[in-house]
Amino acid sequence: MTPTSKPMRIVQFVNLGFEAGGAEKSVHLLTKGLRERGHEVTVVATDHQAEGRVAFADVLLPTASGGPAGRLLGHFWNRHTYRSVKALLRDLDPDCVHMHTIGGFSPSLLAATRAYPQVLSARGPEDWTLNLLRWNLPSATRPEGLTAVDRLRYAHLRFIQRPAYRVWLRGIDTVVPISAYMADCVRADVPRVPLRVI
């Protein structure tokens, strides 16, 4: 930190709180670097697949539960996530929240963090990215096209899940795509939100 810079309180959100891939690895490295510079960083993740793994997240929130119907509704709106995040942010009073991968939290994360400056990273396919939605599906790369089950999943993502995110995406302060290509992919999803490629 330079002598004139002020330490910040930052809360980062990522689906998985352990190093499972590039997104988690970068959040872990970013957190370490920010802390070394004197910033106060809290990492919040879901507890999805966390059992028996070494977590770098400071807080783990439960994923949606309650059988197939409960899990499906939980991806649309997770009341527990909303309440837990609101309470956590009241305690931490962050200067900003940085959301990385957010599908595990549901659109309720965007709603719960709206009182704080919001930064949303765009790394790849998420439930809100229209041009990339297909890549959320297991059969996306099959030459013969999507399976019947994945066609249903795609319809759910496009016509139910994505609109739930778009309501809250309008209020985001900044979207940070990881490349110019990613910026082009998500520009239509957040047309009035500033994009800053890093």
N, C-alpha and C. Protein backbone atom coordinates (compact mmCIF):
# COMPACT_ATOMS: atom_id res chain seq x y z
N MET A 1 0.83 -1.18 0.00
CA MET A 1 0.00 0.00 0.00
C MET A 1 0.88 1.25 0.00
N THR A 2 0.43 2.27 -0.71
CA THR A 2 1.13 3.54 -0.67
C THR A 2 0.74 4.27 0.61
N PRO A 3 1.55 5.25 1.05
CA PRO A 3 1.24 5.95 2.29
C PRO A 3 -0.12 6.65 2.27
N THR A 4 -0.63 7.01 1.08
CA THR A 4 -1.90 7.74 1.02
C THR A 4 -3.11 6.82 0.87
N SER A 5 -2.89 5.55 0.58
CA SER A 5 -4.04 4.67 0.37
C SER A 5 -4.62 4.22 1.71
N LYS A 6 -5.92 4.07 1.69
CA LYS A 6 -6.63 3.71 2.92
C LYS A 6 -7.03 2.24 2.86
N PRO A 7 -6.81 1.49 3.94
CA PRO A 7 -7.24 0.09 3.92
C PRO A 7 -8.75 0.00 3.72
N MET A 8 -9.16 -1.00 2.96
CA MET A 8 -10.58 -1.20 2.67
C MET A 8 -11.07 -2.47 3.33
N ARG A 9 -12.38 -2.52 3.57
CA ARG A 9 -13.06 -3.74 4.00
C ARG A 9 -13.78 -4.29 2.78
N ILE A 10 -13.38 -5.48 2.37
CA ILE A 10 -13.90 -6.09 1.14
C ILE A 10 -14.48 -7.46 1.47
N VAL A 11 -15.66 -7.73 0.94
CA VAL A 11 -16.24 -9.08 1.07
C VAL A 11 -16.31 -9.67 -0.33
N GLN A 12 -15.70 -10.85 -0.49
CA GLN A 12 -15.71 -11.55 -1.76
C GLN A 12 -16.63 -12.76 -1.67
N PHE A 13 -17.41 -12.98 -2.73
CA PHE A 13 -18.31 -14.12 -2.81
C PHE A 13 -17.88 -15.02 -3.96
N VAL A 14 -17.83 -16.32 -3.69
CA VAL A 14 -17.48 -17.30 -4.71
C VAL A 14 -18.25 -18.58 -4.37
N ASN A 15 -18.71 -19.28 -5.41
CA ASN A 15 -19.52 -20.49 -5.17
C ASN A 15 -18.84 -21.50 -4.26
N LEU A 16 -17.59 -21.83 -4.57
CA LEU A 16 -16.87 -22.87 -3.83
C LEU A 16 -15.75 -22.22 -3.02
N GLY A 17 -15.64 -22.61 -1.76
CA GLY A 17 -14.64 -22.01 -0.88
C GLY A 17 -13.35 -22.78 -0.79
N PHE A 18 -13.09 -23.65 -1.76
CA PHE A 18 -11.83 -24.39 -1.83
C PHE A 18 -11.35 -24.32 -3.27
N GLU A 19 -10.08 -24.63 -3.50
CA GLU A 19 -9.52 -24.50 -4.84
C GLU A 19 -9.95 -25.66 -5.73
N ALA A 20 -11.02 -25.43 -6.49
CA ALA A 20 -11.54 -26.45 -7.39
C ALA A 20 -11.20 -26.13 -8.84
N GLY A 21 -10.90 -24.88 -9.14
CA GLY A 21 -10.61 -24.47 -10.51
C GLY A 21 -10.05 -23.06 -10.54
N GLY A 22 -10.05 -22.46 -11.72
CA GLY A 22 -9.44 -21.16 -11.91
C GLY A 22 -10.09 -20.04 -11.12
N ALA A 23 -11.43 -20.04 -11.04
CA ALA A 23 -12.12 -18.96 -10.31
C ALA A 23 -11.72 -18.98 -8.84
N GLU A 24 -11.77 -20.15 -8.25
CA GLU A 24 -11.44 -20.26 -6.82
C GLU A 24 -9.97 -19.94 -6.56
N LYS A 25 -9.10 -20.42 -7.44
CA LYS A 25 -7.66 -20.15 -7.30
C LYS A 25 -7.41 -18.64 -7.35
N SER A 26 -8.05 -17.95 -8.30
CA SER A 26 -7.81 -16.51 -8.41
C SER A 26 -8.38 -15.75 -7.23
N VAL A 27 -9.54 -16.19 -6.69
CA VAL A 27 -10.09 -15.53 -5.50
C VAL A 27 -9.14 -15.73 -4.32
N HIS A 28 -8.61 -16.93 -4.19
CA HIS A 28 -7.67 -17.22 -3.11
C HIS A 28 -6.43 -16.33 -3.22
N LEU A 29 -5.86 -16.23 -4.42
CA LEU A 29 -4.67 -15.40 -4.64
C LEU A 29 -4.98 -13.91 -4.45
N LEU A 30 -6.13 -13.47 -4.95
CA LEU A 30 -6.53 -12.08 -4.79
C LEU A 30 -6.70 -11.72 -3.32
N THR A 31 -7.32 -12.62 -2.56
CA THR A 31 -7.50 -12.39 -1.13
C THR A 31 -6.16 -12.26 -0.43
N LYS A 32 -5.27 -13.17 -0.75
CA LYS A 32 -3.93 -13.13 -0.13
C LYS A 32 -3.22 -11.82 -0.45
N GLY A 33 -3.26 -11.41 -1.71
CA GLY A 33 -2.61 -10.17 -2.11
C GLY A 33 -3.22 -8.95 -1.46
N LEU A 34 -4.54 -8.90 -1.37
CA LEU A 34 -5.21 -7.76 -0.74
C LEU A 34 -4.88 -7.68 0.75
N ARG A 35 -4.84 -8.83 1.40
CA ARG A 35 -4.50 -8.84 2.84
C ARG A 35 -3.06 -8.40 3.06
N GLU A 36 -2.17 -8.81 2.18
CA GLU A 36 -0.77 -8.39 2.31
C GLU A 36 -0.63 -6.88 2.16
N ARG A 37 -1.55 -6.26 1.45
CA ARG A 37 -1.53 -4.81 1.26
C ARG A 37 -2.29 -4.08 2.37
N GLY A 38 -2.74 -4.83 3.38
CA GLY A 38 -3.37 -4.20 4.54
C GLY A 38 -4.88 -4.10 4.50
N HIS A 39 -5.52 -4.68 3.49
CA HIS A 39 -6.97 -4.63 3.40
C HIS A 39 -7.59 -5.77 4.23
N GLU A 40 -8.78 -5.53 4.71
CA GLU A 40 -9.52 -6.53 5.49
C GLU A 40 -10.47 -7.25 4.53
N VAL A 41 -10.21 -8.51 4.28
CA VAL A 41 -10.97 -9.27 3.29
C VAL A 41 -11.65 -10.46 3.95
N THR A 42 -12.94 -10.61 3.67
CA THR A 42 -13.71 -11.77 4.12
C THR A 42 -14.21 -12.50 2.89
N VAL A 43 -13.95 -13.80 2.81
CA VAL A 43 -14.41 -14.61 1.68
C VAL A 43 -15.60 -15.44 2.13
N VAL A 44 -16.68 -15.35 1.37
CA VAL A 44 -17.92 -16.09 1.66
C VAL A 44 -18.18 -17.04 0.50
N ALA A 45 -18.45 -18.31 0.82
CA ALA A 45 -18.73 -19.32 -0.20
C ALA A 45 -19.91 -20.17 0.25
N THR A 46 -20.41 -20.99 -0.66
CA THR A 46 -21.42 -21.97 -0.27
C THR A 46 -20.70 -23.20 0.29
N ASP A 47 -21.44 -24.04 0.97
CA ASP A 47 -20.83 -25.27 1.50
C ASP A 47 -20.92 -26.43 0.49
N HIS A 48 -21.26 -26.12 -0.76
CA HIS A 48 -21.38 -27.14 -1.79
C HIS A 48 -20.05 -27.88 -1.97
N GLN A 49 -20.08 -29.20 -1.80
CA GLN A 49 -18.92 -30.09 -1.96
C GLN A 49 -17.76 -29.76 -1.02
N ALA A 50 -18.03 -29.02 0.05
CA ALA A 50 -16.94 -28.57 0.93
C ALA A 50 -16.49 -29.63 1.93
N GLU A 51 -17.33 -30.61 2.19
CA GLU A 51 -17.02 -31.60 3.22
C GLU A 51 -15.72 -32.34 2.90
N GLY A 52 -14.79 -32.33 3.85
CA GLY A 52 -13.53 -33.03 3.71
C GLY A 52 -12.48 -32.28 2.90
N ARG A 53 -12.78 -31.06 2.46
CA ARG A 53 -11.82 -30.29 1.68
C ARG A 53 -11.26 -29.14 2.51
N VAL A 54 -10.08 -28.69 2.15
CA VAL A 54 -9.46 -27.57 2.85
C VAL A 54 -10.02 -26.29 2.26
N ALA A 55 -10.78 -25.56 3.08
CA ALA A 55 -11.43 -24.34 2.60
C ALA A 55 -10.57 -23.12 2.91
N PHE A 56 -10.53 -22.19 1.95
CA PHE A 56 -9.89 -20.90 2.20
C PHE A 56 -10.94 -19.84 2.55
N ALA A 57 -12.22 -20.17 2.35
CA ALA A 57 -13.30 -19.23 2.66
C ALA A 57 -13.41 -19.05 4.17
N ASP A 58 -13.77 -17.85 4.58
CA ASP A 58 -13.94 -17.54 6.00
C ASP A 58 -15.33 -17.92 6.49
N VAL A 59 -16.32 -17.87 5.58
CA VAL A 59 -17.71 -18.16 5.93
C VAL A 59 -18.28 -19.09 4.87
N LEU A 60 -18.93 -20.17 5.31
CA LEU A 60 -19.61 -21.08 4.39
C LEU A 60 -21.11 -21.01 4.67
N LEU A 61 -21.89 -20.75 3.62
CA LEU A 61 -23.34 -20.71 3.74
C LEU A 61 -23.93 -21.96 3.12
N PRO A 62 -25.01 -22.49 3.71
CA PRO A 62 -25.60 -23.71 3.15
C PRO A 62 -26.20 -23.47 1.76
N THR A 63 -26.05 -24.47 0.91
CA THR A 63 -26.69 -24.42 -0.40
C THR A 63 -28.17 -24.71 -0.23
N ALA A 64 -28.92 -24.48 -1.30
CA ALA A 64 -30.37 -24.75 -1.26
C ALA A 64 -30.62 -26.21 -0.96
N SER A 65 -31.62 -26.49 -0.14
CA SER A 65 -31.95 -27.87 0.24
C SER A 65 -33.45 -28.08 0.19
N GLY A 66 -33.88 -29.27 0.56
CA GLY A 66 -35.31 -29.55 0.62
C GLY A 66 -35.82 -30.41 -0.52
N GLY A 67 -35.00 -31.34 -0.99
CA GLY A 67 -35.44 -32.21 -2.08
C GLY A 67 -35.32 -31.49 -3.42
N PRO A 68 -35.68 -32.17 -4.51
CA PRO A 68 -35.54 -31.57 -5.85
C PRO A 68 -36.28 -30.25 -5.99
N ALA A 69 -37.51 -30.17 -5.49
CA ALA A 69 -38.29 -28.93 -5.62
C ALA A 69 -37.65 -27.80 -4.82
N GLY A 70 -37.21 -28.10 -3.61
CA GLY A 70 -36.58 -27.09 -2.78
C GLY A 70 -35.28 -26.59 -3.38
N ARG A 71 -34.50 -27.51 -3.94
CA ARG A 71 -33.24 -27.09 -4.57
C ARG A 71 -33.50 -26.24 -5.81
N LEU A 72 -34.51 -26.63 -6.59
CA LEU A 72 -34.86 -25.86 -7.79
C LEU A 72 -35.29 -24.45 -7.42
N LEU A 73 -36.18 -24.33 -6.45
CA LEU A 73 -36.63 -23.01 -5.99
C LEU A 73 -35.49 -22.23 -5.36
N GLY A 74 -34.59 -22.94 -4.69
CA GLY A 74 -33.45 -22.28 -4.05
C GLY A 74 -32.50 -21.64 -5.04
N HIS A 75 -32.44 -22.15 -6.26
CA HIS A 75 -31.61 -21.51 -7.28
C HIS A 75 -32.27 -20.26 -7.84
N PHE A 76 -33.58 -20.17 -7.67
CA PHE A 76 -34.33 -18.99 -8.12
C PHE A 76 -34.28 -17.90 -7.05
N TRP A 77 -34.47 -18.31 -5.79
CA TRP A 77 -34.39 -17.38 -4.66
C TRP A 77 -34.08 -18.19 -3.41
N ASN A 78 -33.00 -17.87 -2.73
CA ASN A 78 -32.60 -18.59 -1.52
C ASN A 78 -32.75 -17.63 -0.33
N ARG A 79 -33.85 -17.81 0.40
CA ARG A 79 -34.17 -16.91 1.51
C ARG A 79 -33.09 -16.95 2.59
N HIS A 80 -32.55 -18.14 2.85
CA HIS A 80 -31.51 -18.26 3.87
C HIS A 80 -30.26 -17.48 3.46
N THR A 81 -29.87 -17.58 2.20
CA THR A 81 -28.72 -16.81 1.70
C THR A 81 -28.98 -15.32 1.86
N TYR A 82 -30.16 -14.89 1.47
CA TYR A 82 -30.50 -13.46 1.55
C TYR A 82 -30.37 -12.95 2.98
N ARG A 83 -30.98 -13.66 3.92
CA ARG A 83 -30.94 -13.22 5.32
C ARG A 83 -29.53 -13.30 5.91
N SER A 84 -28.83 -14.38 5.61
CA SER A 84 -27.48 -14.57 6.15
C SER A 84 -26.52 -13.51 5.64
N VAL A 85 -26.59 -13.22 4.34
CA VAL A 85 -25.70 -12.23 3.75
C VAL A 85 -26.02 -10.83 4.28
N LYS A 86 -27.31 -10.51 4.39
CA LYS A 86 -27.68 -9.20 4.94
C LYS A 86 -27.12 -9.02 6.35
N ALA A 87 -27.27 -10.05 7.19
CA ALA A 87 -26.78 -9.98 8.57
C ALA A 87 -25.26 -9.87 8.60
N LEU A 88 -24.59 -10.66 7.78
CA LEU A 88 -23.12 -10.63 7.72
C LEU A 88 -22.61 -9.25 7.30
N LEU A 89 -23.23 -8.67 6.29
CA LEU A 89 -22.79 -7.37 5.80
C LEU A 89 -23.08 -6.25 6.81
N ARG A 90 -24.14 -6.39 7.56
CA ARG A 90 -24.40 -5.41 8.63
C ARG A 90 -23.27 -5.43 9.64
N ASP A 91 -22.79 -6.63 9.97
CA ASP A 91 -21.69 -6.76 10.93
C ASP A 91 -20.36 -6.26 10.36
N LEU A 92 -20.08 -6.60 9.09
CA LEU A 92 -18.78 -6.28 8.49
C LEU A 92 -18.71 -4.85 7.95
N ASP A 93 -19.85 -4.31 7.54
CA ASP A 93 -19.93 -2.97 6.95
C ASP A 93 -18.82 -2.74 5.92
N PRO A 94 -18.84 -3.52 4.82
CA PRO A 94 -17.74 -3.43 3.86
C PRO A 94 -17.78 -2.16 3.02
N ASP A 95 -16.61 -1.80 2.49
CA ASP A 95 -16.52 -0.69 1.54
C ASP A 95 -17.01 -1.13 0.16
N CYS A 96 -16.88 -2.42 -0.13
CA CYS A 96 -17.42 -2.96 -1.38
C CYS A 96 -17.56 -4.48 -1.27
N VAL A 97 -18.40 -5.02 -2.13
CA VAL A 97 -18.52 -6.47 -2.26
C VAL A 97 -18.10 -6.84 -3.68
N HIS A 98 -17.34 -7.92 -3.77
CA HIS A 98 -16.85 -8.40 -5.06
C HIS A 98 -17.39 -9.82 -5.24
N MET A 99 -18.28 -9.97 -6.22
CA MET A 99 -18.89 -11.27 -6.49
C MET A 99 -18.19 -11.91 -7.68
N HIS A 100 -17.79 -13.16 -7.51
CA HIS A 100 -17.07 -13.88 -8.56
C HIS A 100 -18.06 -14.84 -9.23
N THR A 101 -18.11 -16.09 -8.82
CA THR A 101 -19.12 -17.02 -9.32
C THR A 101 -20.27 -16.99 -8.32
N ILE A 102 -21.51 -16.84 -8.81
CA ILE A 102 -22.61 -16.59 -7.87
C ILE A 102 -23.80 -17.52 -8.02
N GLY A 103 -23.75 -18.45 -8.99
CA GLY A 103 -24.89 -19.33 -9.23
C GLY A 103 -25.31 -20.14 -8.02
N GLY A 104 -24.38 -20.50 -7.17
CA GLY A 104 -24.71 -21.28 -5.99
C GLY A 104 -25.46 -20.49 -4.93
N PHE A 105 -25.40 -19.17 -5.01
CA PHE A 105 -26.07 -18.32 -4.04
C PHE A 105 -27.49 -17.94 -4.47
N SER A 106 -27.75 -17.95 -5.77
CA SER A 106 -29.02 -17.53 -6.37
C SER A 106 -29.05 -16.01 -6.51
N PRO A 107 -30.03 -15.47 -7.23
CA PRO A 107 -30.14 -14.01 -7.38
C PRO A 107 -30.30 -13.28 -6.05
N SER A 108 -30.64 -14.00 -5.00
CA SER A 108 -30.80 -13.36 -3.70
C SER A 108 -29.50 -12.71 -3.22
N LEU A 109 -28.35 -13.19 -3.71
CA LEU A 109 -27.08 -12.57 -3.34
C LEU A 109 -27.00 -11.14 -3.87
N LEU A 110 -27.43 -10.93 -5.12
CA LEU A 110 -27.42 -9.60 -5.70
C LEU A 110 -28.34 -8.66 -4.91
N ALA A 111 -29.48 -9.18 -4.49
CA ALA A 111 -30.42 -8.37 -3.71
C ALA A 111 -29.86 -8.05 -2.33
N ALA A 112 -29.24 -9.02 -1.69
CA ALA A 112 -28.75 -8.85 -0.32
C ALA A 112 -27.57 -7.88 -0.24
N THR A 113 -26.83 -7.72 -1.34
CA THR A 113 -25.64 -6.87 -1.33
C THR A 113 -25.89 -5.49 -1.94
N ARG A 114 -27.11 -5.19 -2.33
CA ARG A 114 -27.39 -3.98 -3.11
C ARG A 114 -27.13 -2.67 -2.36
N ALA A 115 -27.05 -2.70 -1.04
CA ALA A 115 -26.80 -1.47 -0.28
C ALA A 115 -25.31 -1.08 -0.28
N TYR A 116 -24.47 -1.89 -0.88
CA TYR A 116 -23.02 -1.66 -0.89
C TYR A 116 -22.53 -1.57 -2.33
N PRO A 117 -21.40 -0.89 -2.58
CA PRO A 117 -20.84 -0.91 -3.94
C PRO A 117 -20.57 -2.35 -4.37
N GLN A 118 -21.10 -2.71 -5.55
CA GLN A 118 -21.03 -4.08 -6.04
C GLN A 118 -20.15 -4.19 -7.28
N VAL A 119 -19.20 -5.12 -7.23
CA VAL A 119 -18.38 -5.46 -8.38
C VAL A 119 -18.68 -6.93 -8.70
N LEU A 120 -18.96 -7.21 -9.96
CA LEU A 120 -19.27 -8.58 -10.38
C LEU A 120 -18.28 -9.00 -11.45
N SER A 121 -17.51 -10.05 -11.18
CA SER A 121 -16.59 -10.59 -12.18
C SER A 121 -17.35 -11.45 -13.16
N ALA A 122 -16.97 -11.36 -14.43
CA ALA A 122 -17.55 -12.22 -15.47
C ALA A 122 -16.44 -13.12 -15.98
N ARG A 123 -16.48 -14.39 -15.55
CA ARG A 123 -15.41 -15.33 -15.85
C ARG A 123 -15.78 -16.35 -16.90
N GLY A 124 -17.06 -16.65 -17.02
CA GLY A 124 -17.49 -17.70 -17.93
C GLY A 124 -18.98 -17.90 -17.81
N PRO A 125 -19.47 -19.06 -18.19
CA PRO A 125 -20.91 -19.28 -18.15
C PRO A 125 -21.47 -19.17 -16.73
N GLU A 126 -22.46 -18.33 -16.58
CA GLU A 126 -23.22 -18.20 -15.33
C GLU A 126 -24.70 -18.21 -15.70
N ASP A 127 -25.55 -18.31 -14.70
CA ASP A 127 -26.98 -18.38 -14.96
C ASP A 127 -27.54 -17.09 -15.56
N TRP A 128 -26.77 -16.01 -15.55
CA TRP A 128 -27.24 -14.72 -16.07
C TRP A 128 -26.67 -14.37 -17.44
N THR A 129 -25.77 -15.18 -17.98
CA THR A 129 -25.06 -14.85 -19.22
C THR A 129 -25.73 -15.50 -20.43
N LEU A 130 -26.58 -14.75 -21.14
CA LEU A 130 -27.36 -15.32 -22.23
C LEU A 130 -26.50 -15.98 -23.31
N ASN A 131 -25.46 -15.30 -23.78
CA ASN A 131 -24.63 -15.85 -24.86
C ASN A 131 -23.84 -17.09 -24.43
N LEU A 132 -23.75 -17.32 -23.13
CA LEU A 132 -22.96 -18.45 -22.63
C LEU A 132 -23.81 -19.51 -21.92
N LEU A 133 -25.12 -19.30 -21.84
CA LEU A 133 -25.98 -20.21 -21.08
C LEU A 133 -25.80 -21.67 -21.48
N ARG A 134 -25.72 -21.90 -22.76
CA ARG A 134 -25.62 -23.27 -23.27
C ARG A 134 -24.44 -24.02 -22.65
N TRP A 135 -23.36 -23.27 -22.32
CA TRP A 135 -22.14 -23.91 -21.81
C TRP A 135 -22.26 -24.32 -20.35
N ASN A 136 -23.39 -24.05 -19.72
CA ASN A 136 -23.68 -24.57 -18.39
C ASN A 136 -24.15 -26.02 -18.44
N LEU A 137 -24.42 -26.53 -19.63
CA LEU A 137 -25.08 -27.83 -19.79
C LEU A 137 -24.09 -28.93 -20.17
N PRO A 138 -24.25 -30.12 -19.58
CA PRO A 138 -23.30 -31.22 -19.85
C PRO A 138 -23.18 -31.62 -21.31
N SER A 139 -24.27 -31.51 -22.08
CA SER A 139 -24.22 -31.97 -23.48
C SER A 139 -23.92 -30.84 -24.46
N ALA A 140 -23.42 -29.70 -23.98
CA ALA A 140 -23.19 -28.53 -24.84
C ALA A 140 -22.24 -28.81 -25.99
N THR A 141 -21.29 -29.71 -25.81
CA THR A 141 -20.28 -29.94 -26.85
C THR A 141 -20.59 -31.15 -27.74
N ARG A 142 -21.74 -31.77 -27.53
CA ARG A 142 -22.07 -32.94 -28.36
C ARG A 142 -22.39 -32.51 -29.79
N PRO A 143 -21.80 -33.17 -30.78
CA PRO A 143 -22.08 -32.80 -32.18
C PRO A 143 -23.56 -32.90 -32.53
N GLU A 144 -24.26 -33.86 -31.90
CA GLU A 144 -25.68 -34.06 -32.22
C GLU A 144 -26.60 -33.09 -31.48
N GLY A 145 -26.03 -32.19 -30.66
CA GLY A 145 -26.83 -31.16 -29.98
C GLY A 145 -27.16 -31.55 -28.55
N LEU A 146 -27.96 -30.72 -27.93
CA LEU A 146 -28.34 -30.92 -26.53
C LEU A 146 -29.25 -32.13 -26.38
N THR A 147 -29.10 -32.82 -25.26
CA THR A 147 -30.02 -33.92 -24.94
C THR A 147 -31.38 -33.32 -24.60
N ALA A 148 -32.41 -34.16 -24.55
CA ALA A 148 -33.75 -33.70 -24.21
C ALA A 148 -33.78 -33.07 -22.82
N VAL A 149 -33.06 -33.69 -21.88
CA VAL A 149 -33.01 -33.15 -20.51
C VAL A 149 -32.33 -31.80 -20.50
N ASP A 150 -31.23 -31.67 -21.26
CA ASP A 150 -30.53 -30.39 -21.30
C ASP A 150 -31.32 -29.30 -22.02
N ARG A 151 -32.16 -29.69 -22.97
CA ARG A 151 -33.04 -28.69 -23.60
C ARG A 151 -34.01 -28.12 -22.57
N LEU A 152 -34.50 -28.99 -21.69
CA LEU A 152 -35.38 -28.51 -20.61
C LEU A 152 -34.61 -27.62 -19.64
N ARG A 153 -33.38 -28.04 -19.32
CA ARG A 153 -32.55 -27.22 -18.43
C ARG A 153 -32.27 -25.85 -19.05
N TYR A 154 -32.01 -25.86 -20.36
CA TYR A 154 -31.73 -24.60 -21.04
C TYR A 154 -32.95 -23.68 -20.98
N ALA A 155 -34.13 -24.23 -21.22
CA ALA A 155 -35.36 -23.43 -21.16
C ALA A 155 -35.53 -22.85 -19.75
N HIS A 156 -35.25 -23.67 -18.74
CA HIS A 156 -35.35 -23.18 -17.35
C HIS A 156 -34.36 -22.03 -17.12
N LEU A 157 -33.10 -22.22 -17.55
CA LEU A 157 -32.08 -21.19 -17.37
C LEU A 157 -32.47 -19.89 -18.09
N ARG A 158 -32.91 -20.03 -19.33
CA ARG A 158 -33.15 -18.84 -20.15
C ARG A 158 -34.41 -18.08 -19.75
N PHE A 159 -35.49 -18.81 -19.46
CA PHE A 159 -36.78 -18.14 -19.29
C PHE A 159 -37.22 -17.99 -17.84
N ILE A 160 -36.54 -18.67 -16.92
CA ILE A 160 -36.90 -18.54 -15.50
C ILE A 160 -35.72 -18.01 -14.70
N GLN A 161 -34.60 -18.72 -14.77
CA GLN A 161 -33.45 -18.36 -13.94
C GLN A 161 -32.84 -17.02 -14.34
N ARG A 162 -32.52 -16.85 -15.61
CA ARG A 162 -31.87 -15.62 -16.06
C ARG A 162 -32.70 -14.37 -15.77
N PRO A 163 -34.01 -14.35 -16.04
CA PRO A 163 -34.79 -13.15 -15.71
C PRO A 163 -34.74 -12.80 -14.22
N ALA A 164 -34.63 -13.80 -13.36
CA ALA A 164 -34.53 -13.52 -11.92
C ALA A 164 -33.25 -12.77 -11.60
N TYR A 165 -32.17 -13.06 -12.30
CA TYR A 165 -30.91 -12.34 -12.11
C TYR A 165 -30.98 -10.94 -12.70
N ARG A 166 -31.59 -10.81 -13.86
CA ARG A 166 -31.58 -9.53 -14.58
C ARG A 166 -32.26 -8.42 -13.79
N VAL A 167 -33.25 -8.77 -12.98
CA VAL A 167 -33.89 -7.77 -12.13
C VAL A 167 -32.87 -7.05 -11.28
N TRP A 168 -31.91 -7.81 -10.72
CA TRP A 168 -30.94 -7.25 -9.79
C TRP A 168 -29.65 -6.79 -10.46
N LEU A 169 -29.34 -7.32 -11.65
CA LEU A 169 -28.11 -6.95 -12.34
C LEU A 169 -28.11 -5.48 -12.76
N ARG A 170 -29.29 -4.91 -12.96
CA ARG A 170 -29.38 -3.51 -13.39
C ARG A 170 -28.73 -2.56 -12.39
N GLY A 171 -28.70 -2.95 -11.10
CA GLY A 171 -28.16 -2.07 -10.08
C GLY A 171 -26.69 -2.27 -9.76
N ILE A 172 -26.03 -3.19 -10.46
CA ILE A 172 -24.60 -3.46 -10.21
C ILE A 172 -23.78 -2.22 -10.58
N ASP A 173 -22.75 -1.93 -9.81
CA ASP A 173 -21.91 -0.76 -10.09
C ASP A 173 -20.92 -0.99 -11.22
N THR A 174 -20.30 -2.17 -11.25
CA THR A 174 -19.29 -2.47 -12.26
C THR A 174 -19.26 -3.97 -12.52
N VAL A 175 -19.10 -4.33 -13.78
CA VAL A 175 -18.85 -5.73 -14.14
C VAL A 175 -17.42 -5.80 -14.67
N VAL A 176 -16.68 -6.79 -14.17
CA VAL A 176 -15.28 -6.95 -14.53
C VAL A 176 -15.11 -8.24 -15.33
N PRO A 177 -15.15 -8.16 -16.66
CA PRO A 177 -14.87 -9.35 -17.48
C PRO A 177 -13.37 -9.63 -17.47
N ILE A 178 -13.02 -10.90 -17.64
CA ILE A 178 -11.60 -11.27 -17.59
C ILE A 178 -10.91 -11.15 -18.95
N SER A 179 -11.67 -10.77 -19.98
CA SER A 179 -11.08 -10.58 -21.31
C SER A 179 -12.02 -9.72 -22.14
N ALA A 180 -11.50 -9.20 -23.26
CA ALA A 180 -12.35 -8.43 -24.19
C ALA A 180 -13.43 -9.34 -24.77
N TYR A 181 -13.08 -10.60 -25.04
CA TYR A 181 -14.07 -11.55 -25.54
C TYR A 181 -15.21 -11.72 -24.54
N MET A 182 -14.88 -11.87 -23.25
CA MET A 182 -15.91 -12.03 -22.24
C MET A 182 -16.76 -10.76 -22.12
N ALA A 183 -16.13 -9.60 -22.26
CA ALA A 183 -16.89 -8.34 -22.24
C ALA A 183 -17.93 -8.33 -23.35
N ASP A 184 -17.54 -8.77 -24.56
CA ASP A 184 -18.49 -8.83 -25.68
C ASP A 184 -19.61 -9.82 -25.39
N CYS A 185 -19.28 -10.91 -24.72
CA CYS A 185 -20.29 -11.93 -24.41
C CYS A 185 -21.35 -11.44 -23.44
N VAL A 186 -20.96 -10.59 -22.48
CA VAL A 186 -21.90 -10.20 -21.42
C VAL A 186 -22.46 -8.79 -21.59
N ARG A 187 -22.00 -8.05 -22.61
CA ARG A 187 -22.45 -6.66 -22.77
C ARG A 187 -23.97 -6.55 -22.86
N ALA A 188 -24.60 -7.48 -23.57
CA ALA A 188 -26.07 -7.43 -23.71
C ALA A 188 -26.79 -7.75 -22.40
N ASP A 189 -26.14 -8.46 -21.50
CA ASP A 189 -26.76 -8.82 -20.21
C ASP A 189 -26.80 -7.63 -19.25
N VAL A 190 -25.82 -6.75 -19.38
CA VAL A 190 -25.70 -5.59 -18.46
C VAL A 190 -25.47 -4.33 -19.29
N PRO A 191 -26.44 -3.95 -20.14
CA PRO A 191 -26.20 -2.87 -21.10
C PRO A 191 -25.92 -1.51 -20.49
N ARG A 192 -26.41 -1.25 -19.28
CA ARG A 192 -26.22 0.07 -18.67
C ARG A 192 -25.16 0.07 -17.57
N VAL A 193 -24.48 -1.06 -17.41
CA VAL A 193 -23.48 -1.18 -16.35
C VAL A 193 -22.09 -1.01 -16.95
N PRO A 194 -21.23 -0.21 -16.32
CA PRO A 194 -19.87 -0.07 -16.84
C PRO A 194 -19.12 -1.40 -16.80
N LEU A 195 -18.41 -1.70 -17.89
CA LEU A 195 -17.56 -2.90 -17.96
C LEU A 195 -16.11 -2.46 -17.88
N ARG A 196 -15.35 -3.13 -17.05
CA ARG A 196 -13.92 -2.83 -16.95
C ARG A 196 -13.15 -4.14 -17.10
N VAL A 197 -12.50 -4.31 -18.23
CA VAL A 197 -11.77 -5.55 -18.50
C VAL A 197 -10.48 -5.55 -17.70
N ILE A 198 -10.30 -6.60 -16.89
CA ILE A 198 -9.05 -6.79 -16.17
C ILE A 198 -8.56 -8.19 -16.49
